[in-house]
């Protein structure tokens, strides 16, 4: 039996959208402000001036990998085995 495609309506509160946009602007503003303290320019700012301790770089790589793993891979079995009522709400 072929199922008809369903449409999902997404609504957002104006305050939530405003807060999200404000947060993004704040983060970009902090980044722009911090580039002023980089003596070698924007390229060196993004690589930390190549003066970061190897432990900090390794910790950052591990945490980023774990974050991606938890947000992309771990929920899949939960979604595949959850009751249909919960699948539509995600």
Protein backbone atom coordinates (compact mmCIF):
# COMPACT_ATOMS: atom_id res chain seq x y z
CA UNK A 1 0.00 0.00 0.00
CA UNK A 2 1.38 3.39 -0.99
CA UNK A 3 1.23 6.05 1.65
CA UNK A 4 0.47 9.61 0.73
CA UNK A 5 3.18 12.09 1.68
CA UNK A 6 2.38 14.13 4.74
CA UNK A 7 3.21 17.75 5.23
CA UNK A 8 4.74 19.05 8.41
CA UNK A 9 3.97 22.54 9.58
CA UNK A 10 6.68 24.22 11.59
CA UNK A 11 5.88 27.28 13.63
CA UNK A 12 8.28 29.46 15.57
CA UNK A 13 7.67 31.98 18.29
CA UNK A 14 8.85 35.46 17.33
CA UNK A 15 10.77 35.83 20.59
CA UNK A 16 12.60 32.55 20.02
CA UNK A 17 13.60 33.57 16.50
CA UNK A 18 14.73 36.98 17.77
CA UNK A 19 16.76 35.39 20.55
CA UNK A 20 18.39 32.98 18.10
CA UNK A 21 19.33 35.75 15.67
CA UNK A 22 20.60 37.88 18.57
CA UNK A 23 22.74 34.98 19.78
CA UNK A 24 24.23 34.49 16.31
CA UNK A 25 25.01 38.21 16.03
CA UNK A 26 26.62 38.15 19.47
CA UNK A 27 28.84 35.19 18.58
CA UNK A 28 29.89 36.79 15.27
CA UNK A 29 30.56 40.05 17.10
CA UNK A 30 32.80 38.31 19.64
CA UNK A 31 34.71 36.67 16.78
CA UNK A 32 35.19 39.97 14.98
CA UNK A 33 36.29 41.65 18.20
CA UNK A 34 38.77 38.85 18.94
CA UNK A 35 40.35 39.12 15.48
CA UNK A 36 41.61 42.56 16.46
CA UNK A 37 43.93 40.91 18.96
CA UNK A 38 45.44 38.60 16.37
CA UNK A 39 48.69 40.19 15.30
CA UNK A 40 49.21 38.07 12.18
CA UNK A 41 45.78 38.55 10.64
CA UNK A 42 42.63 36.57 10.12
CA UNK A 43 44.30 33.41 8.80
CA UNK A 44 46.42 32.98 11.91
CA UNK A 45 43.42 33.79 14.11
CA UNK A 46 41.58 30.69 12.91
CA UNK A 47 44.53 28.37 13.58
CA UNK A 48 45.31 29.89 16.98
CA UNK A 49 48.57 31.40 15.82
CA UNK A 50 49.92 27.82 15.78
CA UNK A 51 50.81 28.32 19.44
CA UNK A 52 48.19 26.06 20.99
CA UNK A 53 49.38 23.17 23.12
CA UNK A 54 48.91 19.78 21.40
CA UNK A 55 46.74 18.61 24.32
CA UNK A 56 44.24 21.43 23.67
CA UNK A 57 44.11 20.64 19.95
CA UNK A 58 43.60 16.92 20.66
CA UNK A 59 40.91 17.64 23.24
CA UNK A 60 39.08 19.86 20.77
CA UNK A 61 39.20 17.16 18.08
CA UNK A 62 37.92 14.47 20.44
CA UNK A 63 35.08 16.60 21.77
CA UNK A 64 34.00 17.61 18.26
CA UNK A 65 33.98 13.99 17.16
CA UNK A 66 31.96 12.88 20.14
CA UNK A 67 29.47 15.68 19.64
CA UNK A 68 28.94 14.68 16.02
CA UNK A 69 28.62 11.02 16.99
CA UNK A 70 26.04 11.72 19.68
CA UNK A 71 23.92 14.05 17.59
CA UNK A 72 23.97 12.03 14.34
CA UNK A 73 24.46 8.35 15.11
CA UNK A 74 23.10 7.65 18.57
CA UNK A 75 19.47 8.81 17.92
CA UNK A 76 19.02 6.56 14.85
CA UNK A 77 18.27 3.31 16.74
CA UNK A 78 15.94 5.23 19.02
CA UNK A 79 14.00 6.62 16.08
CA UNK A 80 13.87 3.24 14.33
CA UNK A 81 12.51 1.43 17.39
CA UNK A 82 10.25 4.13 18.83
CA UNK A 83 6.48 3.98 18.55
CA UNK A 84 5.10 5.75 15.45
CA UNK A 85 3.50 8.44 17.61
CA UNK A 86 6.94 9.69 18.68
CA UNK A 87 8.46 9.63 15.21
CA UNK A 88 6.09 12.28 13.92
CA UNK A 89 6.94 14.69 16.72
CA UNK A 90 10.65 14.86 15.99
